[in-house]
Amino acid sequence: MLGFLLWLVAHRLLRDWIYAGDIWHPILMDLSLFVIALSLSLGLLIVG
């Protein structure tokens, strides 16, 4: 759940940049942000 919440915040903040398509395909960028958010939340759970 924590990873999903982190992804929701990151997606909301970076939505215009993601869907502009300047960097990468929007769906791939969205998935990569989701994986990063899950990894960060797992790291937080392990450390904390």
N, C-alpha and C. Protein backbone atom coordinates (compact mmCIF):
# COMPACT_ATOMS: atom_id res chain seq x y z
N MET A 1 0.82 -1.20 0.00
CA MET A 1 0.00 0.00 0.00
C MET A 1 0.86 1.26 0.00
N LEU A 2 1.97 1.20 0.75
CA LEU A 2 2.82 2.37 0.83
C LEU A 2 3.40 2.73 -0.54
N GLY A 3 3.81 1.72 -1.29
CA GLY A 3 4.35 1.97 -2.62
C GLY A 3 3.32 2.58 -3.55
N PHE A 4 2.08 2.11 -3.46
CA PHE A 4 1.01 2.66 -4.28
C PHE A 4 0.75 4.12 -3.92
N LEU A 5 0.78 4.43 -2.63
CA LEU A 5 0.56 5.81 -2.21
C LEU A 5 1.70 6.72 -2.68
N LEU A 6 2.93 6.21 -2.61
CA LEU A 6 4.06 6.99 -3.12
C LEU A 6 3.93 7.22 -4.62
N TRP A 7 3.48 6.18 -5.33
CA TRP A 7 3.30 6.32 -6.78
C TRP A 7 2.21 7.33 -7.10
N LEU A 8 1.13 7.32 -6.32
CA LEU A 8 0.06 8.29 -6.57
C LEU A 8 0.56 9.73 -6.43
N VAL A 9 1.37 9.97 -5.41
CA VAL A 9 1.91 11.32 -5.21
C VAL A 9 2.86 11.68 -6.35
N ALA A 10 3.78 10.77 -6.70
CA ALA A 10 4.73 11.05 -7.77
C ALA A 10 4.01 11.23 -9.11
N HIS A 11 3.00 10.41 -9.36
CA HIS A 11 2.26 10.50 -10.61
C HIS A 11 1.54 11.84 -10.72
N ARG A 12 0.97 12.29 -9.61
CA ARG A 12 0.25 13.57 -9.61
C ARG A 12 1.22 14.74 -9.86
N LEU A 13 2.41 14.66 -9.27
CA LEU A 13 3.38 15.75 -9.42
C LEU A 13 4.00 15.78 -10.82
N LEU A 14 4.22 14.62 -11.42
CA LEU A 14 4.94 14.54 -12.69
C LEU A 14 4.04 14.23 -13.88
N ARG A 15 2.73 14.31 -13.72
CA ARG A 15 1.80 13.89 -14.76
C ARG A 15 1.99 14.65 -16.08
N ASP A 16 2.13 15.96 -16.03
CA ASP A 16 2.28 16.73 -17.27
C ASP A 16 3.57 16.35 -18.00
N TRP A 17 4.64 16.15 -17.24
CA TRP A 17 5.93 15.79 -17.82
C TRP A 17 5.90 14.38 -18.41
N ILE A 18 5.22 13.47 -17.72
CA ILE A 18 5.14 12.09 -18.20
C ILE A 18 4.37 12.02 -19.52
N TYR A 19 3.21 12.66 -19.58
CA TYR A 19 2.36 12.54 -20.75
C TYR A 19 2.76 13.46 -21.90
N ALA A 20 3.78 14.29 -21.69
CA ALA A 20 4.31 15.09 -22.79
C ALA A 20 5.07 14.19 -23.76
N GLY A 21 5.62 13.08 -23.25
CA GLY A 21 6.31 12.13 -24.11
C GLY A 21 7.69 12.57 -24.52
N ASP A 22 8.25 13.56 -23.84
CA ASP A 22 9.58 14.06 -24.21
C ASP A 22 10.68 13.06 -23.87
N ILE A 23 10.55 12.37 -22.76
CA ILE A 23 11.62 11.51 -22.29
C ILE A 23 11.43 10.08 -22.78
N TRP A 24 10.28 9.50 -22.54
CA TRP A 24 10.05 8.09 -22.77
C TRP A 24 8.58 7.89 -23.09
N HIS A 25 8.19 6.70 -23.46
CA HIS A 25 6.77 6.42 -23.68
C HIS A 25 6.03 6.58 -22.34
N PRO A 26 4.88 7.24 -22.33
CA PRO A 26 4.18 7.52 -21.07
C PRO A 26 3.87 6.28 -20.23
N ILE A 27 3.47 5.18 -20.85
CA ILE A 27 3.13 3.98 -20.08
C ILE A 27 4.38 3.39 -19.43
N LEU A 28 5.49 3.36 -20.17
CA LEU A 28 6.74 2.84 -19.61
C LEU A 28 7.24 3.73 -18.47
N MET A 29 7.10 5.02 -18.62
CA MET A 29 7.51 5.95 -17.56
C MET A 29 6.65 5.74 -16.33
N ASP A 30 5.36 5.55 -16.52
CA ASP A 30 4.44 5.30 -15.41
C ASP A 30 4.80 4.00 -14.68
N LEU A 31 5.07 2.96 -15.44
CA LEU A 31 5.45 1.67 -14.83
C LEU A 31 6.78 1.76 -14.10
N SER A 32 7.73 2.48 -14.67
CA SER A 32 9.02 2.61 -13.99
C SER A 32 8.88 3.40 -12.70
N LEU A 33 8.05 4.43 -12.70
CA LEU A 33 7.79 5.17 -11.45
C LEU A 33 7.13 4.27 -10.41
N PHE A 34 6.24 3.40 -10.86
CA PHE A 34 5.57 2.48 -9.93
C PHE A 34 6.57 1.51 -9.32
N VAL A 35 7.48 0.98 -10.13
CA VAL A 35 8.49 0.05 -9.62
C VAL A 35 9.44 0.77 -8.65
N ILE A 36 9.81 1.99 -8.95
CA ILE A 36 10.67 2.77 -8.06
C ILE A 36 9.95 3.03 -6.74
N ALA A 37 8.68 3.37 -6.80
CA ALA A 37 7.91 3.62 -5.57
C ALA A 37 7.79 2.35 -4.73
N LEU A 38 7.57 1.20 -5.38
CA LEU A 38 7.51 -0.06 -4.64
C LEU A 38 8.85 -0.39 -3.99
N SER A 39 9.93 -0.16 -4.72
CA SER A 39 11.26 -0.42 -4.17
C SER A 39 11.56 0.49 -2.99
N LEU A 40 11.21 1.75 -3.11
CA LEU A 40 11.43 2.67 -1.99
C LEU A 40 10.61 2.29 -0.76
N SER A 41 9.38 1.89 -0.97
CA SER A 41 8.55 1.52 0.17
C SER A 41 9.06 0.23 0.82
N LEU A 42 9.53 -0.71 0.02
CA LEU A 42 10.11 -1.93 0.58
C LEU A 42 11.38 -1.60 1.37
N GLY A 43 12.19 -0.72 0.83
CA GLY A 43 13.38 -0.28 1.55
C GLY A 43 13.05 0.40 2.87
N LEU A 44 12.01 1.23 2.85
CA LEU A 44 11.58 1.89 4.09
C LEU A 44 11.08 0.88 5.13
N LEU A 45 10.39 -0.15 4.67
CA LEU A 45 9.90 -1.16 5.60
C LEU A 45 11.04 -2.00 6.17
N ILE A 46 12.06 -2.26 5.37
CA ILE A 46 13.19 -3.05 5.84
C ILE A 46 14.01 -2.24 6.84
N VAL A 47 14.27 -0.97 6.54
CA VAL A 47 15.09 -0.12 7.42
C VAL A 47 14.35 0.22 8.70
N GLY A 48 13.06 0.52 8.56
CA GLY A 48 12.28 0.98 9.73
C GLY A 48 11.80 -0.18 10.48
